[in-house]
mmCIF file of all heavy atoms, coordinates in Angstrom:
data_MODEL
# 
_entry.id   MODEL 
# 
loop_
_atom_site.group_PDB 
_atom_site.id 
_atom_site.type_symbol 
_atom_site.label_atom_id 
_atom_site.label_alt_id 
_atom_site.label_comp_id 
_atom_site.label_asym_id 
_atom_site.label_entity_id 
_atom_site.label_seq_id 
_atom_site.pdbx_PDB_ins_code 
_atom_site.Cartn_x 
_atom_site.Cartn_y 
_atom_site.Cartn_z 
_atom_site.occupancy 
_atom_site.B_iso_or_equiv 
_atom_site.pdbx_formal_charge 
_atom_site.auth_seq_id 
_atom_site.auth_comp_id 
_atom_site.auth_asym_id 
_atom_site.auth_atom_id 
_atom_site.pdbx_PDB_model_num 
ATOM 1   N N   . GLY A 1 1  ? 16.519  -5.249  -1.433 1.00 0.00 ? 1  GLY A N   1 
ATOM 2   C CA  . GLY A 1 1  ? 16.351  -6.622  -2.010 1.00 0.00 ? 1  GLY A CA  1 
ATOM 3   C C   . GLY A 1 1  ? 16.073  -7.713  -0.937 1.00 0.00 ? 1  GLY A C   1 
ATOM 4   O O   . GLY A 1 1  ? 16.205  -8.880  -1.215 1.00 0.00 ? 1  GLY A O   1 
ATOM 5   N N   . CYS A 1 2  ? 15.788  -7.226  0.313  1.00 0.00 ? 2  CYS A N   1 
ATOM 6   C CA  . CYS A 1 2  ? 15.602  -8.208  1.373  1.00 0.00 ? 2  CYS A CA  1 
ATOM 7   C C   . CYS A 1 2  ? 14.482  -9.234  1.047  1.00 0.00 ? 2  CYS A C   1 
ATOM 8   O O   . CYS A 1 2  ? 13.333  -8.881  0.790  1.00 0.00 ? 2  CYS A O   1 
ATOM 9   C CB  . CYS A 1 2  ? 15.186  -7.477  2.612  1.00 0.00 ? 2  CYS A CB  1 
ATOM 10  S SG  . CYS A 1 2  ? 14.966  -8.625  4.036  1.00 0.00 ? 2  CYS A SG  1 
ATOM 11  N N   . PRO A 1 3  ? 14.854  -10.515 0.942  1.00 0.00 ? 3  PRO A N   1 
ATOM 12  C CA  . PRO A 1 3  ? 13.915  -11.576 0.627  1.00 0.00 ? 3  PRO A CA  1 
ATOM 13  C C   . PRO A 1 3  ? 12.891  -11.831 1.712  1.00 0.00 ? 3  PRO A C   1 
ATOM 14  O O   . PRO A 1 3  ? 11.747  -12.446 1.406  1.00 0.00 ? 3  PRO A O   1 
ATOM 15  C CB  . PRO A 1 3  ? 14.763  -12.793 0.300  1.00 0.00 ? 3  PRO A CB  1 
ATOM 16  C CG  . PRO A 1 3  ? 15.950  -12.625 1.179  1.00 0.00 ? 3  PRO A CG  1 
ATOM 17  C CD  . PRO A 1 3  ? 16.220  -11.077 1.215  1.00 0.00 ? 3  PRO A CD  1 
ATOM 18  N N   . ALA A 1 4  ? 13.107  -11.358 2.893  1.00 0.00 ? 4  ALA A N   1 
ATOM 19  C CA  . ALA A 1 4  ? 12.134  -11.625 3.993  1.00 0.00 ? 4  ALA A CA  1 
ATOM 20  C C   . ALA A 1 4  ? 11.018  -10.633 4.119  1.00 0.00 ? 4  ALA A C   1 
ATOM 21  O O   . ALA A 1 4  ? 10.073  -10.865 4.805  1.00 0.00 ? 4  ALA A O   1 
ATOM 22  C CB  . ALA A 1 4  ? 12.968  -11.661 5.359  1.00 0.00 ? 4  ALA A CB  1 
ATOM 23  N N   . VAL A 1 5  ? 11.139  -9.556  3.317  1.00 0.00 ? 5  VAL A N   1 
ATOM 24  C CA  . VAL A 1 5  ? 10.122  -8.465  3.452  1.00 0.00 ? 5  VAL A CA  1 
ATOM 25  C C   . VAL A 1 5  ? 8.668   -8.950  3.082  1.00 0.00 ? 5  VAL A C   1 
ATOM 26  O O   . VAL A 1 5  ? 7.730   -8.573  3.760  1.00 0.00 ? 5  VAL A O   1 
ATOM 27  C CB  . VAL A 1 5  ? 10.562  -7.218  2.644  1.00 0.00 ? 5  VAL A CB  1 
ATOM 28  C CG1 . VAL A 1 5  ? 10.295  -7.361  1.215  1.00 0.00 ? 5  VAL A CG1 1 
ATOM 29  C CG2 . VAL A 1 5  ? 9.775   -6.009  3.149  1.00 0.00 ? 5  VAL A CG2 1 
ATOM 30  N N   . ASP A 1 6  ? 8.516   -9.752  2.111  1.00 0.00 ? 6  ASP A N   1 
ATOM 31  C CA  . ASP A 1 6  ? 7.178   -10.226 1.737  1.00 0.00 ? 6  ASP A CA  1 
ATOM 32  C C   . ASP A 1 6  ? 6.631   -11.203 2.900  1.00 0.00 ? 6  ASP A C   1 
ATOM 33  O O   . ASP A 1 6  ? 5.436   -11.102 3.224  1.00 0.00 ? 6  ASP A O   1 
ATOM 34  C CB  . ASP A 1 6  ? 7.261   -11.020 0.458  1.00 0.00 ? 6  ASP A CB  1 
ATOM 35  C CG  . ASP A 1 6  ? 7.435   -10.127 -0.663 1.00 0.00 ? 6  ASP A CG  1 
ATOM 36  O OD1 . ASP A 1 6  ? 7.056   -8.878  -0.590 1.00 0.00 ? 6  ASP A OD1 1 
ATOM 37  O OD2 . ASP A 1 6  ? 7.914   -10.538 -1.751 1.00 0.00 ? 6  ASP A OD2 1 
ATOM 38  N N   . VAL A 1 7  ? 7.394   -11.903 3.539  1.00 0.00 ? 7  VAL A N   1 
ATOM 39  C CA  . VAL A 1 7  ? 7.032   -12.805 4.695  1.00 0.00 ? 7  VAL A CA  1 
ATOM 40  C C   . VAL A 1 7  ? 6.650   -11.925 5.891  1.00 0.00 ? 7  VAL A C   1 
ATOM 41  O O   . VAL A 1 7  ? 5.666   -12.157 6.593  1.00 0.00 ? 7  VAL A O   1 
ATOM 42  C CB  . VAL A 1 7  ? 8.106   -13.833 5.008  1.00 0.00 ? 7  VAL A CB  1 
ATOM 43  C CG1 . VAL A 1 7  ? 7.713   -14.577 6.282  1.00 0.00 ? 7  VAL A CG1 1 
ATOM 44  C CG2 . VAL A 1 7  ? 8.349   -14.756 3.875  1.00 0.00 ? 7  VAL A CG2 1 
ATOM 45  N N   . MET A 1 8  ? 7.437   -10.866 6.075  1.00 0.00 ? 8  MET A N   1 
ATOM 46  C CA  . MET A 1 8  ? 7.178   -9.955  7.195  1.00 0.00 ? 8  MET A CA  1 
ATOM 47  C C   . MET A 1 8  ? 5.781   -9.272  6.885  1.00 0.00 ? 8  MET A C   1 
ATOM 48  O O   . MET A 1 8  ? 4.988   -9.178  7.863  1.00 0.00 ? 8  MET A O   1 
ATOM 49  C CB  . MET A 1 8  ? 8.170   -8.844  7.301  1.00 0.00 ? 8  MET A CB  1 
ATOM 50  C CG  . MET A 1 8  ? 9.532   -9.256  7.817  1.00 0.00 ? 8  MET A CG  1 
ATOM 51  S SD  . MET A 1 8  ? 10.600  -7.707  7.970  1.00 0.00 ? 8  MET A SD  1 
ATOM 52  C CE  . MET A 1 8  ? 12.134  -8.594  8.053  1.00 0.00 ? 8  MET A CE  1 
ATOM 53  N N   . LYS A 1 9  ? 5.506   -8.832  5.717  1.00 0.00 ? 9  LYS A N   1 
ATOM 54  C CA  . LYS A 1 9  ? 4.212   -8.183  5.409  1.00 0.00 ? 9  LYS A CA  1 
ATOM 55  C C   . LYS A 1 9  ? 3.096   -9.147  5.684  1.00 0.00 ? 9  LYS A C   1 
ATOM 56  O O   . LYS A 1 9  ? 2.071   -8.803  6.248  1.00 0.00 ? 9  LYS A O   1 
ATOM 57  C CB  . LYS A 1 9  ? 4.248   -7.706  3.963  1.00 0.00 ? 9  LYS A CB  1 
ATOM 58  C CG  . LYS A 1 9  ? 5.039   -6.553  3.698  1.00 0.00 ? 9  LYS A CG  1 
ATOM 59  C CD  . LYS A 1 9  ? 4.997   -6.140  2.198  1.00 0.00 ? 9  LYS A CD  1 
ATOM 60  C CE  . LYS A 1 9  ? 5.633   -4.806  1.905  1.00 0.00 ? 9  LYS A CE  1 
ATOM 61  N NZ  . LYS A 1 9  ? 5.572   -4.545  0.524  1.00 0.00 ? 9  LYS A NZ  1 
ATOM 62  N N   . GLU A 1 10 ? 3.241   -10.357 5.198  1.00 0.00 ? 10 GLU A N   1 
ATOM 63  C CA  . GLU A 1 10 ? 2.240   -11.398 5.338  1.00 0.00 ? 10 GLU A CA  1 
ATOM 64  C C   . GLU A 1 10 ? 2.018   -11.768 6.865  1.00 0.00 ? 10 GLU A C   1 
ATOM 65  O O   . GLU A 1 10 ? 0.857   -11.782 7.346  1.00 0.00 ? 10 GLU A O   1 
ATOM 66  C CB  . GLU A 1 10 ? 2.619   -12.661 4.604  1.00 0.00 ? 10 GLU A CB  1 
ATOM 67  C CG  . GLU A 1 10 ? 1.500   -13.760 4.709  1.00 0.00 ? 10 GLU A CG  1 
ATOM 68  C CD  . GLU A 1 10 ? 2.000   -14.979 3.835  1.00 0.00 ? 10 GLU A CD  1 
ATOM 69  O OE1 . GLU A 1 10 ? 2.555   -14.773 2.751  1.00 0.00 ? 10 GLU A OE1 1 
ATOM 70  O OE2 . GLU A 1 10 ? 1.763   -16.143 4.275  1.00 0.00 ? 10 GLU A OE2 1 
ATOM 71  N N   . ASP A 1 11 ? 3.053   -11.846 7.603  1.00 0.00 ? 11 ASP A N   1 
ATOM 72  C CA  . ASP A 1 11 ? 2.974   -12.120 9.054  1.00 0.00 ? 11 ASP A CA  1 
ATOM 73  C C   . ASP A 1 11 ? 2.270   -11.015 9.796  1.00 0.00 ? 11 ASP A C   1 
ATOM 74  O O   . ASP A 1 11 ? 1.490   -11.248 10.721 1.00 0.00 ? 11 ASP A O   1 
ATOM 75  C CB  . ASP A 1 11 ? 4.343   -12.388 9.635  1.00 0.00 ? 11 ASP A CB  1 
ATOM 76  C CG  . ASP A 1 11 ? 4.919   -13.748 9.191  1.00 0.00 ? 11 ASP A CG  1 
ATOM 77  O OD1 . ASP A 1 11 ? 4.189   -14.593 8.614  1.00 0.00 ? 11 ASP A OD1 1 
ATOM 78  O OD2 . ASP A 1 11 ? 6.189   -13.973 9.433  1.00 0.00 ? 11 ASP A OD2 1 
ATOM 79  N N   . ILE A 1 12 ? 2.572   -9.734  9.403  1.00 0.00 ? 12 ILE A N   1 
ATOM 80  C CA  . ILE A 1 12 ? 1.954   -8.564  9.998  1.00 0.00 ? 12 ILE A CA  1 
ATOM 81  C C   . ILE A 1 12 ? 0.388   -8.670  9.772  1.00 0.00 ? 12 ILE A C   1 
ATOM 82  O O   . ILE A 1 12 ? -0.423  -8.484  10.673 1.00 0.00 ? 12 ILE A O   1 
ATOM 83  C CB  . ILE A 1 12 ? 2.441   -7.250  9.391  1.00 0.00 ? 12 ILE A CB  1 
ATOM 84  C CG1 . ILE A 1 12 ? 3.920   -7.050  9.931  1.00 0.00 ? 12 ILE A CG1 1 
ATOM 85  C CG2 . ILE A 1 12 ? 1.604   -6.087  9.765  1.00 0.00 ? 12 ILE A CG2 1 
ATOM 86  C CD1 . ILE A 1 12 ? 4.732   -5.985  9.243  1.00 0.00 ? 12 ILE A CD1 1 
ATOM 87  N N   . LEU A 1 13 ? -0.016  -8.934  8.462  1.00 0.00 ? 13 LEU A N   1 
ATOM 88  C CA  . LEU A 1 13 ? -1.332  -8.916  8.127  1.00 0.00 ? 13 LEU A CA  1 
ATOM 89  C C   . LEU A 1 13 ? -2.134  -10.099 8.892  1.00 0.00 ? 13 LEU A C   1 
ATOM 90  O O   . LEU A 1 13 ? -3.232  -9.967  9.336  1.00 0.00 ? 13 LEU A O   1 
ATOM 91  C CB  . LEU A 1 13 ? -1.560  -9.046  6.601  1.00 0.00 ? 13 LEU A CB  1 
ATOM 92  C CG  . LEU A 1 13 ? -1.211  -7.774  5.882  1.00 0.00 ? 13 LEU A CG  1 
ATOM 93  C CD1 . LEU A 1 13 ? -1.256  -8.012  4.390  1.00 0.00 ? 13 LEU A CD1 1 
ATOM 94  C CD2 . LEU A 1 13 ? -2.064  -6.586  6.178  1.00 0.00 ? 13 LEU A CD2 1 
ATOM 95  N N   . ILE A 1 14 ? -1.417  -11.244 8.988  1.00 0.00 ? 14 ILE A N   1 
ATOM 96  C CA  . ILE A 1 14 ? -2.029  -12.333 9.664  1.00 0.00 ? 14 ILE A CA  1 
ATOM 97  C C   . ILE A 1 14 ? -2.284  -12.046 11.141 1.00 0.00 ? 14 ILE A C   1 
ATOM 98  O O   . ILE A 1 14 ? -3.399  -12.303 11.705 1.00 0.00 ? 14 ILE A O   1 
ATOM 99  C CB  . ILE A 1 14 ? -1.208  -13.676 9.511  1.00 0.00 ? 14 ILE A CB  1 
ATOM 100 C CG1 . ILE A 1 14 ? -1.292  -14.162 8.011  1.00 0.00 ? 14 ILE A CG1 1 
ATOM 101 C CG2 . ILE A 1 14 ? -1.582  -14.710 10.562 1.00 0.00 ? 14 ILE A CG2 1 
ATOM 102 C CD1 . ILE A 1 14 ? -0.323  -15.285 7.743  1.00 0.00 ? 14 ILE A CD1 1 
ATOM 103 N N   . ALA A 1 15 ? -1.286  -11.360 11.799 1.00 0.00 ? 15 ALA A N   1 
ATOM 104 C CA  . ALA A 1 15 ? -1.431  -11.040 13.185 1.00 0.00 ? 15 ALA A CA  1 
ATOM 105 C C   . ALA A 1 15 ? -2.537  -10.015 13.434 1.00 0.00 ? 15 ALA A C   1 
ATOM 106 O O   . ALA A 1 15 ? -3.291  -10.189 14.352 1.00 0.00 ? 15 ALA A O   1 
ATOM 107 C CB  . ALA A 1 15 ? -0.039  -10.461 13.701 1.00 0.00 ? 15 ALA A CB  1 
ATOM 108 N N   . LEU A 1 16 ? -2.664  -9.098  12.493 1.00 0.00 ? 16 LEU A N   1 
ATOM 109 C CA  . LEU A 1 16 ? -3.692  -8.064  12.578 1.00 0.00 ? 16 LEU A CA  1 
ATOM 110 C C   . LEU A 1 16 ? -5.086  -8.706  12.372 1.00 0.00 ? 16 LEU A C   1 
ATOM 111 O O   . LEU A 1 16 ? -6.023  -8.445  13.112 1.00 0.00 ? 16 LEU A O   1 
ATOM 112 C CB  . LEU A 1 16 ? -3.453  -6.942  11.632 1.00 0.00 ? 16 LEU A CB  1 
ATOM 113 C CG  . LEU A 1 16 ? -2.211  -6.047  11.933 1.00 0.00 ? 16 LEU A CG  1 
ATOM 114 C CD1 . LEU A 1 16 ? -2.002  -5.147  10.780 1.00 0.00 ? 16 LEU A CD1 1 
ATOM 115 C CD2 . LEU A 1 16 ? -2.402  -5.295  13.237 1.00 0.00 ? 16 LEU A CD2 1 
ATOM 116 N N   . GLN A 1 17 ? -5.250  -9.598  11.375 1.00 0.00 ? 17 GLN A N   1 
ATOM 117 C CA  . GLN A 1 17 ? -6.507  -10.243 11.092 1.00 0.00 ? 17 GLN A CA  1 
ATOM 118 C C   . GLN A 1 17 ? -6.937  -11.095 12.310 1.00 0.00 ? 17 GLN A C   1 
ATOM 119 O O   . GLN A 1 17 ? -8.090  -11.093 12.593 1.00 0.00 ? 17 GLN A O   1 
ATOM 120 C CB  . GLN A 1 17 ? -6.391  -11.023 9.851  1.00 0.00 ? 17 GLN A CB  1 
ATOM 121 C CG  . GLN A 1 17 ? -6.355  -10.092 8.574  1.00 0.00 ? 17 GLN A CG  1 
ATOM 122 C CD  . GLN A 1 17 ? -6.111  -10.888 7.305  1.00 0.00 ? 17 GLN A CD  1 
ATOM 123 O OE1 . GLN A 1 17 ? -5.815  -12.105 7.295  1.00 0.00 ? 17 GLN A OE1 1 
ATOM 124 N NE2 . GLN A 1 17 ? -5.978  -10.162 6.167  1.00 0.00 ? 17 GLN A NE2 1 
ATOM 125 N N   . LYS A 1 18 ? -6.007  -11.828 12.873 1.00 0.00 ? 18 LYS A N   1 
ATOM 126 C CA  . LYS A 1 18 ? -6.348  -12.689 14.042 1.00 0.00 ? 18 LYS A CA  1 
ATOM 127 C C   . LYS A 1 18 ? -6.816  -11.904 15.183 1.00 0.00 ? 18 LYS A C   1 
ATOM 128 O O   . LYS A 1 18 ? -7.597  -12.364 16.040 1.00 0.00 ? 18 LYS A O   1 
ATOM 129 C CB  . LYS A 1 18 ? -5.134  -13.483 14.422 1.00 0.00 ? 18 LYS A CB  1 
ATOM 130 C CG  . LYS A 1 18 ? -4.823  -14.698 13.543 1.00 0.00 ? 18 LYS A CG  1 
ATOM 131 C CD  . LYS A 1 18 ? -3.678  -15.389 14.004 1.00 0.00 ? 18 LYS A CD  1 
ATOM 132 C CE  . LYS A 1 18 ? -3.358  -16.737 13.214 1.00 0.00 ? 18 LYS A CE  1 
ATOM 133 N NZ  . LYS A 1 18 ? -2.222  -17.462 13.693 1.00 0.00 ? 18 LYS A NZ  1 
ATOM 134 N N   . SER A 1 19 ? -6.490  -10.605 15.297 1.00 0.00 ? 19 SER A N   1 
ATOM 135 C CA  . SER A 1 19 ? -6.895  -9.711  16.303 1.00 0.00 ? 19 SER A CA  1 
ATOM 136 C C   . SER A 1 19 ? -8.037  -8.846  15.987 1.00 0.00 ? 19 SER A C   1 
ATOM 137 O O   . SER A 1 19 ? -8.366  -7.917  16.687 1.00 0.00 ? 19 SER A O   1 
ATOM 138 C CB  . SER A 1 19 ? -5.774  -8.975  16.870 1.00 0.00 ? 19 SER A CB  1 
ATOM 139 O OG  . SER A 1 19 ? -4.785  -9.744  17.462 1.00 0.00 ? 19 SER A OG  1 
ATOM 140 N N   . GLY A 1 20 ? -8.712  -9.102  14.850 1.00 0.00 ? 20 GLY A N   1 
ATOM 141 C CA  . GLY A 1 20 ? -9.846  -8.412  14.382 1.00 0.00 ? 20 GLY A CA  1 
ATOM 142 C C   . GLY A 1 20 ? -9.628  -7.130  13.491 1.00 0.00 ? 20 GLY A C   1 
ATOM 143 O O   . GLY A 1 20 ? -10.517 -6.481  13.154 1.00 0.00 ? 20 GLY A O   1 
ATOM 144 N N   . TYR A 1 21 ? -8.378  -6.886  13.227 1.00 0.00 ? 21 TYR A N   1 
ATOM 145 C CA  . TYR A 1 21 ? -8.088  -5.740  12.274 1.00 0.00 ? 21 TYR A CA  1 
ATOM 146 C C   . TYR A 1 21 ? -8.033  -6.292  10.849 1.00 0.00 ? 21 TYR A C   1 
ATOM 147 O O   . TYR A 1 21 ? -6.976  -6.586  10.275 1.00 0.00 ? 21 TYR A O   1 
ATOM 148 C CB  . TYR A 1 21 ? -6.711  -5.153  12.608 1.00 0.00 ? 21 TYR A CB  1 
ATOM 149 C CG  . TYR A 1 21 ? -6.664  -4.565  14.008 1.00 0.00 ? 21 TYR A CG  1 
ATOM 150 C CD1 . TYR A 1 21 ? -6.114  -5.280  15.057 1.00 0.00 ? 21 TYR A CD1 1 
ATOM 151 C CD2 . TYR A 1 21 ? -7.247  -3.284  14.296 1.00 0.00 ? 21 TYR A CD2 1 
ATOM 152 C CE1 . TYR A 1 21 ? -6.180  -4.730  16.340 1.00 0.00 ? 21 TYR A CE1 1 
ATOM 153 C CE2 . TYR A 1 21 ? -7.185  -2.694  15.579 1.00 0.00 ? 21 TYR A CE2 1 
ATOM 154 C CZ  . TYR A 1 21 ? -6.666  -3.527  16.547 1.00 0.00 ? 21 TYR A CZ  1 
ATOM 155 O OH  . TYR A 1 21 ? -6.625  -2.950  17.891 1.00 0.00 ? 21 TYR A OH  1 
ATOM 156 N N   . VAL A 1 22 ? -9.250  -6.426  10.178 1.00 0.00 ? 22 VAL A N   1 
ATOM 157 C CA  . VAL A 1 22 ? -9.360  -7.131  8.934  1.00 0.00 ? 22 VAL A CA  1 
ATOM 158 C C   . VAL A 1 22 ? -9.033  -6.104  7.795  1.00 0.00 ? 22 VAL A C   1 
ATOM 159 O O   . VAL A 1 22 ? -8.789  -6.556  6.713  1.00 0.00 ? 22 VAL A O   1 
ATOM 160 C CB  . VAL A 1 22 ? -10.737 -7.751  8.724  1.00 0.00 ? 22 VAL A CB  1 
ATOM 161 C CG1 . VAL A 1 22 ? -10.868 -8.902  9.712  1.00 0.00 ? 22 VAL A CG1 1 
ATOM 162 C CG2 . VAL A 1 22 ? -11.876 -6.744  8.974  1.00 0.00 ? 22 VAL A CG2 1 
ATOM 163 N N   . ASN A 1 23 ? -9.188  -4.821  8.009  1.00 0.00 ? 23 ASN A N   1 
ATOM 164 C CA  . ASN A 1 23 ? -8.871  -3.849  6.972  1.00 0.00 ? 23 ASN A CA  1 
ATOM 165 C C   . ASN A 1 23 ? -7.554  -3.163  7.202  1.00 0.00 ? 23 ASN A C   1 
ATOM 166 O O   . ASN A 1 23 ? -7.484  -2.111  7.752  1.00 0.00 ? 23 ASN A O   1 
ATOM 167 C CB  . ASN A 1 23 ? -10.056 -2.809  6.965  1.00 0.00 ? 23 ASN A CB  1 
ATOM 168 C CG  . ASN A 1 23 ? -10.066 -1.921  5.768  1.00 0.00 ? 23 ASN A CG  1 
ATOM 169 O OD1 . ASN A 1 23 ? -9.342  -2.201  4.727  1.00 0.00 ? 23 ASN A OD1 1 
ATOM 170 N ND2 . ASN A 1 23 ? -10.765 -0.815  5.789  1.00 0.00 ? 23 ASN A ND2 1 
ATOM 171 N N   . SER A 1 24 ? -6.522  -3.884  6.828  1.00 0.00 ? 24 SER A N   1 
ATOM 172 C CA  . SER A 1 24 ? -5.184  -3.457  7.031  1.00 0.00 ? 24 SER A CA  1 
ATOM 173 C C   . SER A 1 24 ? -4.362  -3.566  5.833  1.00 0.00 ? 24 SER A C   1 
ATOM 174 O O   . SER A 1 24 ? -4.581  -4.431  5.022  1.00 0.00 ? 24 SER A O   1 
ATOM 175 C CB  . SER A 1 24 ? -4.528  -4.261  8.151  1.00 0.00 ? 24 SER A CB  1 
ATOM 176 O OG  . SER A 1 24 ? -5.276  -4.272  9.312  1.00 0.00 ? 24 SER A OG  1 
ATOM 177 N N   . ARG A 1 25 ? -3.232  -2.803  5.749  1.00 0.00 ? 25 ARG A N   1 
ATOM 178 C CA  . ARG A 1 25 ? -2.376  -2.890  4.665  1.00 0.00 ? 25 ARG A CA  1 
ATOM 179 C C   . ARG A 1 25 ? -0.955  -2.520  5.227  1.00 0.00 ? 25 ARG A C   1 
ATOM 180 O O   . ARG A 1 25 ? -0.826  -1.755  6.093  1.00 0.00 ? 25 ARG A O   1 
ATOM 181 C CB  . ARG A 1 25 ? -2.689  -2.104  3.447  1.00 0.00 ? 25 ARG A CB  1 
ATOM 182 C CG  . ARG A 1 25 ? -2.689  -0.660  3.553  1.00 0.00 ? 25 ARG A CG  1 
ATOM 183 C CD  . ARG A 1 25 ? -3.232  -0.035  2.180  1.00 0.00 ? 25 ARG A CD  1 
ATOM 184 N NE  . ARG A 1 25 ? -3.475  1.416   2.475  1.00 0.00 ? 25 ARG A NE  1 
ATOM 185 C CZ  . ARG A 1 25 ? -2.600  2.338   2.091  1.00 0.00 ? 25 ARG A CZ  1 
ATOM 186 N NH1 . ARG A 1 25 ? -1.456  2.029   1.471  1.00 0.00 ? 25 ARG A NH1 1 
ATOM 187 N NH2 . ARG A 1 25 ? -2.852  3.641   2.336  1.00 0.00 ? 25 ARG A NH2 1 
ATOM 188 N N   . VAL A 1 26 ? 0.068   -3.059  4.487  1.00 0.00 ? 26 VAL A N   1 
ATOM 189 C CA  . VAL A 1 26 ? 1.396   -2.931  4.879  1.00 0.00 ? 26 VAL A CA  1 
ATOM 190 C C   . VAL A 1 26 ? 2.086   -2.170  3.773  1.00 0.00 ? 26 VAL A C   1 
ATOM 191 O O   . VAL A 1 26 ? 2.018   -2.623  2.642  1.00 0.00 ? 26 VAL A O   1 
ATOM 192 C CB  . VAL A 1 26 ? 2.117   -4.181  5.299  1.00 0.00 ? 26 VAL A CB  1 
ATOM 193 C CG1 . VAL A 1 26 ? 3.550   -3.874  5.635  1.00 0.00 ? 26 VAL A CG1 1 
ATOM 194 C CG2 . VAL A 1 26 ? 1.472   -4.921  6.387  1.00 0.00 ? 26 VAL A CG2 1 
ATOM 195 N N   . GLU A 1 27 ? 2.852   -1.129  4.047  1.00 0.00 ? 27 GLU A N   1 
ATOM 196 C CA  . GLU A 1 27 ? 3.464   -0.343  3.058  1.00 0.00 ? 27 GLU A CA  1 
ATOM 197 C C   . GLU A 1 27 ? 5.020   -0.419  3.358  1.00 0.00 ? 27 GLU A C   1 
ATOM 198 O O   . GLU A 1 27 ? 5.390   -0.219  4.515  1.00 0.00 ? 27 GLU A O   1 
ATOM 199 C CB  . GLU A 1 27 ? 3.055   1.060   3.129  1.00 0.00 ? 27 GLU A CB  1 
ATOM 200 C CG  . GLU A 1 27 ? 3.624   2.124   2.186  1.00 0.00 ? 27 GLU A CG  1 
ATOM 201 C CD  . GLU A 1 27 ? 3.043   3.441   2.320  1.00 0.00 ? 27 GLU A CD  1 
ATOM 202 O OE1 . GLU A 1 27 ? 2.016   3.743   1.745  1.00 0.00 ? 27 GLU A OE1 1 
ATOM 203 O OE2 . GLU A 1 27 ? 3.613   4.228   3.215  1.00 0.00 ? 27 GLU A OE2 1 
ATOM 204 N N   . SER A 1 28 ? 5.926   -0.635  2.311  1.00 0.00 ? 28 SER A N   1 
ATOM 205 C CA  . SER A 1 28 ? 7.325   -0.580  2.566  1.00 0.00 ? 28 SER A CA  1 
ATOM 206 C C   . SER A 1 28 ? 7.802   0.856   2.194  1.00 0.00 ? 28 SER A C   1 
ATOM 207 O O   . SER A 1 28 ? 7.386   1.464   1.139  1.00 0.00 ? 28 SER A O   1 
ATOM 208 C CB  . SER A 1 28 ? 8.036   -1.610  1.575  1.00 0.00 ? 28 SER A CB  1 
ATOM 209 O OG  . SER A 1 28 ? 7.822   -2.853  2.042  1.00 0.00 ? 28 SER A OG  1 
# 
């Protein structure tokens, strides 16, 4: 039930997109 997991996923995707990894997904 960690409330931070959605923010972590979003932050991961943003970091990847900024570095050119536009086709990414995060799985818990």
